[in-house]
Structure formats: C-alpha cells, structure tokens
Amino acid sequence: MQAKLARLALDIAVRFSGGAGAWRFAETLPEPVAKEDDPDELRRMAREKSLSLEAARQEAAIDATSARTARALRKP
C-alpha cells in the first residue's frame, strides 16, 4: 500500500494523469555494453568541443566588432 501511495505522489508531482500514469516496464534489461568508453578519450573530446565553441564565440564577437566599426566609419 505504501508503494502505491508513493507512486501516486510521484505521478502527481510529474503531472501524470489517466493512462499516462500507467507505468510500463521491459520484460528484461538490455545487456551491458561490451566495452565502456575510455574516460580519457571522453575528456579529450569534451575539451576539443568546448574549445571549438569558444573559438566560434570569439569569432562571432570579432565579427560583431568589425560590423560596428564599419558602420561607424560609413557615417559622415
């Protein structure tokens, strides 16, 4: 009974109602992956993507500054 009340409280908290609150479970769990991703490689990829994003931000800032300068120089 306590489990049903806890599930009802969770359903209400996440705003499930009617059929949406009918929880379904897989018959079996999927098999674990054969090999986990290498943490060092994941860190390298994250750093690389982060650096790419930072470079793009800096390029956008430079472009915006260039556009403002060009507009300012065109004014008589």
PDB file of N, CA and C in Angstrom:
ATOM      1  N   MET A   1       0.825  -1.193   0.000  1.00  0.00           N
ATOM      2  CA  MET A   1       0.000   0.000   0.000  1.00  0.00           C
ATOM      3  C   MET A   1       0.872   1.262   0.000  1.00  0.00           C
ATOM      4  N   GLN A   2       1.954   1.216   0.774  1.00  0.00           N
ATOM      5  CA  GLN A   2       2.846   2.367   0.851  1.00  0.00           C
ATOM      6  C   GLN A   2       3.486   2.659  -0.513  1.00  0.00           C
ATOM      7  N   ALA A   3       3.833   1.579  -1.236  1.00  0.00           N
ATOM      8  CA  ALA A   3       4.435   1.749  -2.563  1.00  0.00           C
ATOM      9  C   ALA A   3       3.439   2.394  -3.521  1.00  0.00           C
ATOM     10  N   LYS A   4       2.173   2.004  -3.462  1.00  0.00           N
ATOM     11  CA  LYS A   4       1.153   2.584  -4.337  1.00  0.00           C
ATOM     12  C   LYS A   4       0.959   4.069  -4.033  1.00  0.00           C
ATOM     13  N   LEU A   5       0.974   4.426  -2.758  1.00  0.00           N
ATOM     14  CA  LEU A   5       0.836   5.834  -2.383  1.00  0.00           C
ATOM     15  C   LEU A   5       2.043   6.642  -2.848  1.00  0.00           C
ATOM     16  N   ALA A   6       3.227   6.061  -2.734  1.00  0.00           N
ATOM     17  CA  ALA A   6       4.440   6.750  -3.188  1.00  0.00           C
ATOM     18  C   ALA A   6       4.393   6.945  -4.701  1.00  0.00           C
ATOM     19  N   ARG A   7       3.928   5.924  -5.434  1.00  0.00           N
ATOM     20  CA  ARG A   7       3.834   6.044  -6.886  1.00  0.00           C
ATOM     21  C   ARG A   7       2.786   7.079  -7.277  1.00  0.00           C
ATOM     22  N   LEU A   8       1.674   7.112  -6.567  1.00  0.00           N
ATOM     23  CA  LEU A   8       0.645   8.114  -6.831  1.00  0.00           C
ATOM     24  C   LEU A   8       1.201   9.518  -6.584  1.00  0.00           C
ATOM     25  N   ALA A   9       1.963   9.690  -5.501  1.00  0.00           N
ATOM     26  CA  ALA A   9       2.566  11.001  -5.202  1.00  0.00           C
ATOM     27  C   ALA A   9       3.529  11.405  -6.306  1.00  0.00           C
ATOM     28  N   LEU A  10       4.290  10.444  -6.821  1.00  0.00           N
ATOM     29  CA  LEU A  10       5.218  10.737  -7.919  1.00  0.00           C
ATOM     30  C   LEU A  10       4.448  11.090  -9.187  1.00  0.00           C
ATOM     31  N   ASP A  11       3.394  10.341  -9.491  1.00  0.00           N
ATOM     32  CA  ASP A  11       2.559  10.642 -10.657  1.00  0.00           C
ATOM     33  C   ASP A  11       2.016  12.065 -10.584  1.00  0.00           C
ATOM     34  N   ILE A  12       1.567  12.455  -9.427  1.00  0.00           N
ATOM     35  CA  ILE A  12       1.017  13.804  -9.235  1.00  0.00           C
ATOM     36  C   ILE A  12       2.122  14.846  -9.386  1.00  0.00           C
ATOM     37  N   ALA A  13       3.291  14.555  -8.821  1.00  0.00           N
ATOM     38  CA  ALA A  13       4.401  15.510  -8.879  1.00  0.00           C
ATOM     39  C   ALA A  13       4.849  15.768 -10.312  1.00  0.00           C
ATOM     40  N   VAL A  14       4.841  14.734 -11.168  1.00  0.00           N
ATOM     41  CA  VAL A  14       5.275  14.908 -12.551  1.00  0.00           C
ATOM     42  C   VAL A  14       4.085  15.093 -13.491  1.00  0.00           C
ATOM     43  N   ARG A  15       2.909  15.295 -12.892  1.00  0.00           N
ATOM     44  CA  ARG A  15       1.667  15.604 -13.608  1.00  0.00           C
ATOM     45  C   ARG A  15       1.226  14.519 -14.586  1.00  0.00           C
ATOM     46  N   PHE A  16       1.400  13.260 -14.187  1.00  0.00           N
ATOM     47  CA  PHE A  16       0.817  12.159 -14.953  1.00  0.00           C
ATOM     48  C   PHE A  16      -0.638  12.056 -14.558  1.00  0.00           C
ATOM     49  N   SER A  17      -1.486  11.720 -15.521  1.00  0.00           N
ATOM     50  CA  SER A  17      -2.880  11.501 -15.173  1.00  0.00           C
ATOM     51  C   SER A  17      -3.471  10.477 -16.123  1.00  0.00           C
ATOM     52  N   GLY A  18      -4.507   9.824 -15.698  1.00  0.00           N
ATOM     53  CA  GLY A  18      -5.183   8.847 -16.539  1.00  0.00           C
ATOM     54  C   GLY A  18      -4.230   7.774 -17.022  1.00  0.00           C
ATOM     55  N   GLY A  19      -4.302   7.468 -18.325  1.00  0.00           N
ATOM     56  CA  GLY A  19      -3.457   6.430 -18.915  1.00  0.00           C
ATOM     57  C   GLY A  19      -1.991   6.788 -18.916  1.00  0.00           C
ATOM     58  N   ALA A  20      -1.689   8.089 -18.873  1.00  0.00           N
ATOM     59  CA  ALA A  20      -0.282   8.496 -18.887  1.00  0.00           C
ATOM     60  C   ALA A  20       0.440   8.023 -17.639  1.00  0.00           C
ATOM     61  N   GLY A  21      -0.323   7.776 -16.565  1.00  0.00           N
ATOM     62  CA  GLY A  21       0.289   7.331 -15.323  1.00  0.00           C
ATOM     63  C   GLY A  21       0.526   5.838 -15.276  1.00  0.00           C
ATOM     64  N   ALA A  22       0.130   5.125 -16.335  1.00  0.00           N
ATOM     65  CA  ALA A  22       0.330   3.679 -16.370  1.00  0.00           C
ATOM     66  C   ALA A  22       1.787   3.388 -16.714  1.00  0.00           C
ATOM     67  N   TRP A  23       2.528   2.984 -15.742  1.00  0.00           N
ATOM     68  CA  TRP A  23       3.951   2.732 -15.936  1.00  0.00           C
ATOM     69  C   TRP A  23       4.142   1.379 -16.610  1.00  0.00           C
ATOM     70  N   ARG A  24       5.062   1.314 -17.543  1.00  0.00           N
ATOM     71  CA  ARG A  24       5.382   0.070 -18.236  1.00  0.00           C
ATOM     72  C   ARG A  24       6.854  -0.254 -18.003  1.00  0.00           C
ATOM     73  N   PHE A  25       7.105  -1.531 -17.899  1.00  0.00           N
ATOM     74  CA  PHE A  25       8.476  -1.971 -17.658  1.00  0.00           C
ATOM     75  C   PHE A  25       8.856  -3.011 -18.695  1.00  0.00           C
ATOM     76  N   ALA A  26      10.114  -3.004 -19.102  1.00  0.00           N
ATOM     77  CA  ALA A  26      10.610  -4.003 -20.041  1.00  0.00           C
ATOM     78  C   ALA A  26      10.628  -5.361 -19.354  1.00  0.00           C
ATOM     79  N   GLU A  27      10.403  -6.392 -20.134  1.00  0.00           N
ATOM     80  CA  GLU A  27      10.443  -7.746 -19.577  1.00  0.00           C
ATOM     81  C   GLU A  27      11.840  -8.084 -19.070  1.00  0.00           C
ATOM     82  N   THR A  28      12.842  -7.695 -19.872  1.00  0.00           N
ATOM     83  CA  THR A  28      14.226  -7.958 -19.476  1.00  0.00           C
ATOM     84  C   THR A  28      15.045  -6.697 -19.682  1.00  0.00           C
ATOM     85  N   LEU A  29      16.098  -6.596 -18.957  1.00  0.00           N
ATOM     86  CA  LEU A  29      17.008  -5.466 -19.117  1.00  0.00           C
ATOM     87  C   LEU A  29      17.944  -5.729 -20.285  1.00  0.00           C
ATOM     88  N   PRO A  30      18.364  -4.655 -20.993  1.00  0.00           N
ATOM     89  CA  PRO A  30      19.313  -4.879 -22.081  1.00  0.00           C
ATOM     90  C   PRO A  30      20.660  -5.328 -21.519  1.00  0.00           C
ATOM     91  N   GLU A  31      21.407  -6.030 -22.350  1.00  0.00           N
ATOM     92  CA  GLU A  31      22.736  -6.480 -21.954  1.00  0.00           C
ATOM     93  C   GLU A  31      23.654  -5.270 -21.806  1.00  0.00           C
ATOM     94  N   PRO A  32      24.584  -5.319 -20.870  1.00  0.00           N
ATOM     95  CA  PRO A  32      25.536  -4.205 -20.747  1.00  0.00           C
ATOM     96  C   PRO A  32      26.422  -4.124 -21.994  1.00  0.00           C
ATOM     97  N   VAL A  33      26.952  -2.947 -22.231  1.00  0.00           N
ATOM     98  CA  VAL A  33      27.819  -2.779 -23.402  1.00  0.00           C
ATOM     99  C   VAL A  33      29.082  -3.613 -23.207  1.00  0.00           C
ATOM    100  N   ALA A  34      29.644  -4.030 -24.326  1.00  0.00           N
ATOM    101  CA  ALA A  34      30.831  -4.902 -24.269  1.00  0.00           C
ATOM    102  C   ALA A  34      32.031  -4.165 -23.675  1.00  0.00           C
ATOM    103  N   LYS A  35      32.159  -2.891 -24.050  1.00  0.00           N
ATOM    104  CA  LYS A  35      33.318  -2.121 -23.577  1.00  0.00           C
ATOM    105  C   LYS A  35      32.857  -0.693 -23.307  1.00  0.00           C
ATOM    106  N   GLU A  36      33.166  -0.196 -22.146  1.00  0.00           N
ATOM    107  CA  GLU A  36      32.818   1.181 -21.784  1.00  0.00           C
ATOM    108  C   GLU A  36      33.707   2.150 -22.552  1.00  0.00           C
ATOM    109  N   ASP A  37      33.204   3.356 -22.782  1.00  0.00           N
ATOM    110  CA  ASP A  37      34.016   4.386 -23.429  1.00  0.00           C
ATOM    111  C   ASP A  37      35.184   4.758 -22.526  1.00  0.00           C
ATOM    112  N   ASP A  38      36.302   5.044 -23.156  1.00  0.00           N
ATOM    113  CA  ASP A  38      37.505   5.415 -22.425  1.00  0.00           C
ATOM    114  C   ASP A  38      37.330   6.807 -21.826  1.00  0.00           C
ATOM    115  N   PRO A  39      37.416   6.948 -20.510  1.00  0.00           N
ATOM    116  CA  PRO A  39      37.217   8.251 -19.867  1.00  0.00           C
ATOM    117  C   PRO A  39      38.185   9.327 -20.382  1.00  0.00           C
ATOM    118  N   ASP A  40      39.431   8.947 -20.660  1.00  0.00           N
ATOM    119  CA  ASP A  40      40.407   9.926 -21.176  1.00  0.00           C
ATOM    120  C   ASP A  40      39.978  10.436 -22.547  1.00  0.00           C
ATOM    121  N   GLU A  41      39.472   9.533 -23.394  1.00  0.00           N
ATOM    122  CA  GLU A  41      39.015   9.932 -24.719  1.00  0.00           C
ATOM    123  C   GLU A  41      37.785  10.833 -24.613  1.00  0.00           C
ATOM    124  N   LEU A  42      36.886  10.518 -23.700  1.00  0.00           N
ATOM    125  CA  LEU A  42      35.703  11.368 -23.499  1.00  0.00           C
ATOM    126  C   LEU A  42      36.106  12.768 -23.029  1.00  0.00           C
ATOM    127  N   ARG A  43      37.079  12.836 -22.132  1.00  0.00           N
ATOM    128  CA  ARG A  43      37.558  14.143 -21.660  1.00  0.00           C
ATOM    129  C   ARG A  43      38.198  14.936 -22.798  1.00  0.00           C
ATOM    130  N   ARG A  44      38.993  14.241 -23.639  1.00  0.00           N
ATOM    131  CA  ARG A  44      39.634  14.905 -24.775  1.00  0.00           C
ATOM    132  C   ARG A  44      38.580  15.456 -25.737  1.00  0.00           C
ATOM    133  N   MET A  45      37.567  14.655 -26.026  1.00  0.00           N
ATOM    134  CA  MET A  45      36.508  15.099 -26.934  1.00  0.00           C
ATOM    135  C   MET A  45      35.749  16.290 -26.349  1.00  0.00           C
ATOM    136  N   ALA A  46      35.466  16.242 -25.059  1.00  0.00           N
ATOM    137  CA  ALA A  46      34.755  17.352 -24.415  1.00  0.00           C
ATOM    138  C   ALA A  46      35.580  18.624 -24.473  1.00  0.00           C
ATOM    139  N   ARG A  47      36.887  18.494 -24.212  1.00  0.00           N
ATOM    140  CA  ARG A  47      37.776  19.659 -24.261  1.00  0.00           C
ATOM    141  C   ARG A  47      37.827  20.234 -25.666  1.00  0.00           C
ATOM    142  N   GLU A  48      37.932  19.348 -26.658  1.00  0.00           N
ATOM    143  CA  GLU A  48      38.012  19.781 -28.052  1.00  0.00           C
ATOM    144  C   GLU A  48      36.731  20.499 -28.461  1.00  0.00           C
ATOM    145  N   LYS A  49      35.595  19.946 -28.120  1.00  0.00           N
ATOM    146  CA  LYS A  49      34.325  20.578 -28.483  1.00  0.00           C
ATOM    147  C   LYS A  49      34.171  21.908 -27.758  1.00  0.00           C
ATOM    148  N   SER A  50      34.582  21.933 -26.516  1.00  0.00           N
ATOM    149  CA  SER A  50      34.489  23.160 -25.740  1.00  0.00           C
ATOM    150  C   SER A  50      35.378  24.245 -26.347  1.00  0.00           C
ATOM    151  N   LEU A  51      36.580  23.860 -26.777  1.00  0.00           N
ATOM    152  CA  LEU A  51      37.486  24.826 -27.398  1.00  0.00           C
ATOM    153  C   LEU A  51      36.924  25.309 -28.733  1.00  0.00           C
ATOM    154  N   SER A  52      36.286  24.409 -29.482  1.00  0.00           N
ATOM    155  CA  SER A  52      35.671  24.803 -30.757  1.00  0.00           C
ATOM    156  C   SER A  52      34.556  25.814 -30.520  1.00  0.00           C
ATOM    157  N   LEU A  53      33.756  25.567 -29.495  1.00  0.00           N
ATOM    158  CA  LEU A  53      32.678  26.507 -29.179  1.00  0.00           C
ATOM    159  C   LEU A  53      33.229  27.857 -28.749  1.00  0.00           C
ATOM    160  N   GLU A  54      34.277  27.846 -27.954  1.00  0.00           N
ATOM    161  CA  GLU A  54      34.879  29.108 -27.512  1.00  0.00           C
ATOM    162  C   GLU A  54      35.458  29.868 -28.698  1.00  0.00           C
ATOM    163  N   ALA A  55      36.097  29.152 -29.609  1.00  0.00           N
ATOM    164  CA  ALA A  55      36.643  29.802 -30.801  1.00  0.00           C
ATOM    165  C   ALA A  55      35.522  30.425 -31.629  1.00  0.00           C
ATOM    166  N   ALA A  56      34.412  29.720 -31.769  1.00  0.00           N
ATOM    167  CA  ALA A  56      33.276  30.250 -32.531  1.00  0.00           C
ATOM    168  C   ALA A  56      32.708  31.490 -31.848  1.00  0.00           C
ATOM    169  N   ARG A  57      32.642  31.469 -30.517  1.00  0.00           N
ATOM    170  CA  ARG A  57      32.158  32.655 -29.781  1.00  0.00           C
ATOM    171  C   ARG A  57      33.069  33.851 -30.013  1.00  0.00           C
ATOM    172  N   GLN A  58      34.367  33.608 -29.959  1.00  0.00           N
ATOM    173  CA  GLN A  58      35.320  34.699 -30.169  1.00  0.00           C
ATOM    174  C   GLN A  58      35.231  35.237 -31.596  1.00  0.00           C
ATOM    175  N   GLU A  59      35.064  34.350 -32.565  1.00  0.00           N
ATOM    176  CA  GLU A  59      34.912  34.800 -33.950  1.00  0.00           C
ATOM    177  C   GLU A  59      33.651  35.645 -34.113  1.00  0.00           C
ATOM    178  N   ALA A  60      32.577  35.236 -33.487  1.00  0.00           N
ATOM    179  CA  ALA A  60      31.327  35.998 -33.563  1.00  0.00           C
ATOM    180  C   ALA A  60      31.505  37.372 -32.922  1.00  0.00           C
ATOM    181  N   ALA A  61      32.224  37.449 -31.809  1.00  0.00           N
ATOM    182  CA  ALA A  61      32.469  38.735 -31.151  1.00  0.00           C
ATOM    183  C   ALA A  61      33.316  39.644 -32.038  1.00  0.00           C
ATOM    184  N   ILE A  62      34.324  39.075 -32.682  1.00  0.00           N
ATOM    185  CA  ILE A  62      35.176  39.860 -33.589  1.00  0.00           C
ATOM    186  C   ILE A  62      34.358  40.367 -34.768  1.00  0.00           C
ATOM    187  N   ASP A  63      33.516  39.495 -35.338  1.00  0.00           N
ATOM    188  CA  ASP A  63      32.662  39.900 -36.464  1.00  0.00           C
ATOM    189  C   ASP A  63      31.726  41.032 -36.057  1.00  0.00           C
ATOM    190  N   ALA A  64      31.162  40.938 -34.859  1.00  0.00           N
ATOM    191  CA  ALA A  64      30.248  41.983 -34.383  1.00  0.00           C
ATOM    192  C   ALA A  64      30.993  43.307 -34.213  1.00  0.00           C
ATOM    193  N   THR A  65      32.204  43.249 -33.678  1.00  0.00           N
ATOM    194  CA  THR A  65      33.012  44.454 -33.513  1.00  0.00           C
ATOM    195  C   THR A  65      33.371  45.050 -34.871  1.00  0.00           C
ATOM    196  N   SER A  66      33.727  44.198 -35.815  1.00  0.00           N
ATOM    197  CA  SER A  66      34.062  44.666 -37.158  1.00  0.00           C
ATOM    198  C   SER A  66      32.861  45.338 -37.818  1.00  0.00           C
ATOM    199  N   ALA A  67      31.690  44.742 -37.648  1.00  0.00           N
ATOM    200  CA  ALA A  67      30.482  45.320 -38.246  1.00  0.00           C
ATOM    201  C   ALA A  67      30.173  46.684 -37.621  1.00  0.00           C
ATOM    202  N   ARG A  68      30.321  46.796 -36.302  1.00  0.00           N
ATOM    203  CA  ARG A  68      30.077  48.100 -35.645  1.00  0.00           C
ATOM    204  C   ARG A  68      31.075  49.141 -36.137  1.00  0.00           C
ATOM    205  N   THR A  69      32.337  48.740 -36.272  1.00  0.00           N
ATOM    206  CA  THR A  69      33.369  49.675 -36.753  1.00  0.00           C
ATOM    207  C   THR A  69      33.060  50.123 -38.185  1.00  0.00           C
ATOM    208  N   ALA A  70      32.691  49.182 -39.028  1.00  0.00           N
ATOM    209  CA  ALA A  70      32.369  49.523 -40.432  1.00  0.00           C
ATOM    210  C   ALA A  70      31.191  50.485 -40.488  1.00  0.00           C
ATOM    211  N   ARG A  71      30.165  50.257 -39.696  1.00  0.00           N
ATOM    212  CA  ARG A  71      29.011  51.162 -39.676  1.00  0.00           C
ATOM    213  C   ARG A  71      29.410  52.550 -39.187  1.00  0.00           C
ATOM    214  N   ALA A  72      30.267  52.597 -38.181  1.00  0.00           N
ATOM    215  CA  ALA A  72      30.697  53.869 -37.637  1.00  0.00           C
ATOM    216  C   ALA A  72      31.518  54.654 -38.656  1.00  0.00           C
ATOM    217  N   LEU A  73      32.343  53.973 -39.443  1.00  0.00           N
ATOM    218  CA  LEU A  73      33.179  54.645 -40.425  1.00  0.00           C
ATOM    219  C   LEU A  73      32.376  55.148 -41.625  1.00  0.00           C
ATOM    220  N   ARG A  74      31.228  54.508 -41.888  1.00  0.00           N
ATOM    221  CA  ARG A  74      30.395  54.932 -43.025  1.00  0.00           C
ATOM    222  C   ARG A  74      29.622  56.210 -42.742  1.00  0.00           C
ATOM    223  N   LYS A  75      29.424  56.513 -41.473  1.00  0.00           N
ATOM    224  CA  LYS A  75      28.640  57.716 -41.124  1.00  0.00           C
ATOM    225  C   LYS A  75      29.455  58.958 -41.406  1.00  0.00           C
ATOM    226  N   PRO A  76      28.805  59.987 -42.006  1.00  0.00           N
ATOM    227  CA  PRO A  76      29.554  61.226 -42.317  1.00  0.00           C
ATOM    228  C   PRO A  76      29.888  62.032 -41.081  1.00  0.00           C
TER     229      PRO A  76
END
